[in-house]
Protein backbone atom coordinates (compact mmCIF):
# COMPACT_ATOMS: atom_id res chain seq x y z
CA MET A 1 28.52 39.70 -15.74
CA PRO A 2 25.26 39.86 -14.47
CA ILE A 3 22.39 37.27 -15.66
CA SER A 4 19.46 38.93 -17.04
CA THR A 5 15.99 38.68 -15.85
CA GLY A 6 14.63 36.71 -18.75
CA ARG A 7 17.66 34.10 -18.63
CA ALA A 8 17.35 33.99 -14.55
CA VAL A 9 13.29 33.16 -15.18
CA LEU A 10 14.43 30.42 -17.64
CA VAL A 11 16.64 28.93 -15.30
CA ILE A 12 14.35 29.40 -12.20
CA THR A 13 11.41 27.92 -14.10
CA GLY A 14 13.67 24.53 -15.44
CA VAL A 15 14.55 23.86 -11.99
CA LEU A 16 10.97 23.93 -10.81
CA LEU A 17 9.72 22.05 -13.44
CA PHE A 18 12.30 19.13 -12.82
CA ASN A 19 11.28 19.23 -9.53
CA GLN A 20 7.62 18.90 -9.82
CA ALA A 21 7.52 14.71 -10.07
CA PRO A 22 5.31 13.86 -7.50
CA ALA A 23 6.67 12.49 -4.10
CA LYS A 24 5.76 9.31 -3.26
CA ALA A 25 4.46 8.66 0.36
CA ASP A 26 4.36 5.29 2.06
CA VAL A 27 2.11 3.83 4.77
CA VAL A 28 3.30 0.40 6.27
CA LEU A 29 0.28 -1.02 7.97
CA THR A 30 1.26 -3.34 10.72
CA PHE A 31 -1.88 -3.57 12.60
CA GLU A 32 0.04 -3.68 15.87
CA GLY A 33 -1.94 -1.60 18.68
CA PHE A 34 -5.00 -3.21 18.15
CA SER A 35 -6.80 -6.08 20.12
CA ASP A 36 -7.04 -9.52 19.01
CA GLY A 37 -10.47 -9.96 17.13
CA THR A 38 -10.69 -6.29 16.57
CA GLY A 39 -12.61 -5.66 13.14
CA LEU A 40 -11.16 -3.26 10.98
CA THR A 41 -13.36 -0.92 9.42
CA SER A 42 -13.13 2.49 9.12
CA GLN A 43 -9.84 2.89 12.31
CA ILE A 44 -7.10 3.35 9.77
CA PRO A 45 -7.47 7.54 8.11
CA GLY A 46 -8.06 7.29 4.20
CA MET A 47 -9.07 3.47 4.50
CA THR A 48 -11.55 1.45 4.82
CA PHE A 49 -11.78 -2.26 5.09
CA SER A 50 -14.57 -5.45 4.97
CA ASN A 51 -13.89 -8.73 6.14
CA ALA A 52 -10.45 -8.03 8.08
CA THR A 53 -9.92 -9.16 11.43
CA VAL A 54 -7.25 -8.90 13.95
CA LEU A 55 -5.25 -11.82 15.25
CA THR A 56 -2.89 -11.62 18.00
CA ALA A 57 0.02 -14.62 18.25
CA GLY A 58 -0.30 -16.42 20.86
CA ILE A 59 -4.04 -15.33 21.81
CA GLY A 60 -6.05 -15.85 18.23
CA LEU A 61 -3.56 -16.70 15.89
CA ASN A 62 -1.96 -19.88 15.38
CA GLU A 63 2.04 -18.31 15.19
CA PHE A 64 3.46 -21.48 14.21
CA GLU A 65 1.43 -22.27 10.85
CA LEU A 66 0.73 -18.17 10.40
CA PRO A 67 3.63 -16.47 11.67
CA PRO A 68 3.69 -12.53 11.72
CA HIS A 69 5.95 -10.87 8.85
CA SER A 70 6.60 -8.73 11.92
CA GLY A 71 5.32 -8.01 15.45
CA THR A 72 2.52 -10.24 16.62
CA ASN A 73 -0.50 -8.65 14.87
CA VAL A 74 -2.09 -9.86 11.44
CA VAL A 75 -5.31 -9.88 10.07
CA PHE A 76 -7.53 -12.42 8.66
CA ASP A 77 -10.28 -13.15 5.81
CA ASP A 78 -12.83 -12.68 8.45
CA GLY A 79 -16.22 -14.56 6.29
CA GLY A 80 -15.00 -13.44 3.09
CA PRO A 81 -12.70 -11.90 0.78
CA ILE A 82 -10.92 -8.74 2.18
CA ALA A 83 -11.74 -5.62 0.75
CA ILE A 84 -9.99 -2.25 0.91
CA SER A 85 -11.00 1.04 -0.57
CA PHE A 86 -8.90 4.22 -0.54
CA ALA A 87 -10.22 7.44 0.03
CA SER A 88 -7.87 9.22 -2.63
CA PRO A 89 -6.48 7.03 -5.44
CA ILE A 90 -3.27 5.05 -4.56
CA LEU A 91 -0.22 4.03 -6.68
CA SER A 92 0.73 0.35 -5.34
CA PHE A 93 -0.28 -2.20 -2.53
CA SER A 94 1.73 -4.93 -1.09
CA GLY A 95 1.72 -7.09 2.00
CA TYR A 96 3.10 -10.08 3.26
CA PHE A 97 0.69 -13.14 2.87
CA THR A 98 0.51 -16.65 4.47
CA TYR A 99 -2.55 -18.90 2.90
CA TYR A 100 -4.03 -22.13 3.21
CA THR A 101 -5.63 -21.34 -0.51
CA PRO A 102 -4.44 -19.77 -3.70
CA LEU A 103 -5.07 -15.96 -3.25
CA THR A 104 -6.00 -13.39 -5.77
CA VAL A 105 -5.18 -9.91 -5.59
CA VAL A 106 -7.48 -7.64 -7.67
CA ALA A 107 -6.76 -4.04 -8.16
CA PHE A 108 -9.81 -1.67 -9.16
CA ASP A 109 -10.35 2.50 -10.48
CA GLY A 110 -12.45 4.55 -9.22
CA SER A 111 -14.97 3.43 -11.55
CA SER A 112 -14.41 -0.50 -10.58
CA ASN A 113 -12.94 -1.13 -13.59
CA GLN A 114 -10.21 -3.61 -12.88
CA VAL A 115 -6.87 -2.30 -13.61
CA GLY A 116 -4.26 -4.79 -12.17
CA SER A 117 -4.05 -8.67 -10.36
CA THR A 118 -1.53 -10.63 -9.16
CA THR A 119 -1.76 -14.21 -7.78
CA SER A 120 -0.09 -16.23 -5.23
CA ALA A 121 2.81 -18.53 -6.18
CA PHE A 122 1.88 -21.73 -4.70
CA SER A 123 -1.41 -23.32 -3.06
CA ILE A 124 -0.55 -23.19 0.33
CA ASN A 125 2.63 -21.79 2.29
CA VAL A 126 1.77 -21.76 5.71
CA GLY A 127 4.56 -22.55 8.46
CA CYS A 128 4.57 -26.28 10.50
CA ASP A 129 2.91 -26.65 13.62
CA PRO A 130 5.04 -28.26 16.05
CA GLY A 131 4.67 -32.35 14.98
CA PRO A 132 5.53 -34.52 12.20
CA PHE A 133 4.48 -32.78 9.26
CA CYS A 134 4.97 -29.61 7.31
CA LEU A 135 1.77 -28.01 5.38
CA GLY A 136 3.15 -25.94 3.11
CA ASP A 137 4.03 -27.06 -0.38
CA PRO A 138 7.25 -28.09 -1.11
CA GLY A 139 9.45 -24.56 -1.97
CA SER A 140 7.13 -22.53 -0.21
CA SER A 141 7.29 -20.21 2.87
CA PRO A 142 5.40 -18.46 5.06
CA ASN A 143 4.76 -14.48 4.30
CA GLU A 144 4.97 -14.01 0.54
CA LEU A 145 5.07 -10.47 -0.74
CA LEU A 146 2.22 -9.99 -3.42
CA SER A 147 1.64 -6.52 -4.96
CA VAL A 148 -0.44 -4.78 -7.53
CA SER A 149 0.50 -1.39 -9.07
CA PHE A 150 -1.46 1.38 -11.45
CA ALA A 151 0.17 4.19 -12.20
CA SER A 152 -3.03 6.07 -13.20
CA GLY A 153 -4.44 5.42 -9.67
CA ILE A 154 -6.00 2.63 -7.54
CA SER A 155 -9.19 3.05 -5.55
CA ARG A 156 -9.54 -0.52 -4.38
CA ILE A 157 -8.79 -4.02 -4.13
CA THR A 158 -9.77 -7.56 -2.80
CA ILE A 159 -7.75 -10.05 -1.36
CA THR A 160 -9.65 -13.63 -2.24
CA GLY A 161 -8.69 -17.13 -1.13
CA ASP A 162 -11.57 -19.37 0.37
CA LEU A 163 -15.00 -17.53 -0.75
CA ALA A 164 -16.25 -18.26 3.20
CA GLY A 165 -13.29 -16.90 4.62
CA GLY A 166 -10.65 -18.43 7.11
CA SER A 167 -8.06 -18.75 4.55
CA PHE A 168 -5.32 -16.20 5.01
CA VAL A 169 -3.37 -13.90 6.96
CA MET A 170 -1.77 -10.68 5.63
CA ASP A 171 0.45 -8.58 7.36
CA ASP A 172 2.74 -5.63 6.91
CA ALA A 173 0.70 -4.07 3.81
CA THR A 174 2.16 -0.97 2.31
CA VAL A 175 0.39 1.71 0.67
CA ALA A 176 1.98 3.77 -1.66
CA SER A 177 0.41 7.28 -3.09
CA SER A 178 1.52 10.31 -4.99
CA VAL A 179 2.31 13.12 -2.86
CA PRO A 180 0.49 16.56 -4.96
CA GLU A 181 3.29 19.00 -4.97
CA PRO A 182 2.63 22.99 -5.38
CA SER A 183 1.44 23.83 -8.52
CA SER A 184 4.15 24.88 -11.15
CA ILE A 185 2.61 28.05 -12.27
CA VAL A 186 2.05 28.87 -8.74
CA LEU A 187 5.64 28.49 -8.25
CA VAL A 188 7.17 29.96 -11.60
CA LEU A 189 4.86 33.18 -10.98
CA SER A 190 6.25 33.21 -7.34
CA ALA A 191 9.63 33.11 -9.16
CA MET A 192 9.38 35.58 -11.57
CA ALA A 193 8.23 37.94 -9.29
CA GLY A 194 11.25 37.30 -6.91
CA VAL A 195 13.58 37.95 -10.23
CA LEU A 196 11.68 41.15 -10.90
CA ALA A 197 11.99 42.35 -7.26
CA ILE A 198 15.63 41.90 -7.27
CA ARG A 199 16.06 43.37 -10.90
CA LYS A 200 14.28 46.60 -9.77
CA LYS A 201 17.08 47.37 -6.87
CA ILE A 202 20.13 46.87 -9.14
C-alpha cells in the first residue's frame, strides 16, 4: 500500500530532526611549522593569542625537562599568562602542559563571566635534565592533560602559572567547537516539497 503524503512528511521530518545534533569539529594545535621564537598572535585562523611564544626542541627548548607531547614545538608563557580569544565560541579546550609552578586554566563566556576552570594535579611536573636529580613532584610526569568545557560556549581562556611568565609549556591543544547544521525548518520544507512533487506524479 503506498505511503500517504502526510505520513511520508512526518517520517522524513522525524529523521531530519533526529539528525540535527550539532557535529563537533576538533582542531589540534601542534604548533609545528613555526620557527623557534615566533610570537603567536593571530596566525592561527579564528584565534588570537597573548603571551605565547613558540620554542623548538634543541634550540630554545630544553626538551629533557620540557619534552614536547609530539613533534618538536611547544608554546610557553612569555611574559605573563597565556590568553586565547576565539572568534566564535567553542565547546571545550584541552592541552598537554609541563610546568614549574601550579597551573590554572580558566574559561570565560562572551560577557567575560567565568564559566569553568581547572588546576594542575602537581606543583611541578618537569622531566629530568641529564644529571642526578629529577625536579618533578613524586608521581608526576611531563605533559599533564588539562581541559575546560562549557556547553553554552567559551569565548576566551587564560592559562596562568607564574604571573611573570616563563613557567610552563603547552603542546597539542585541542579546540572543540560545534559545526552549525542546515536549519531544520529549511530541511523539513525541502522534504515536504519533494514528497508533494512525487505525489503529483503518482
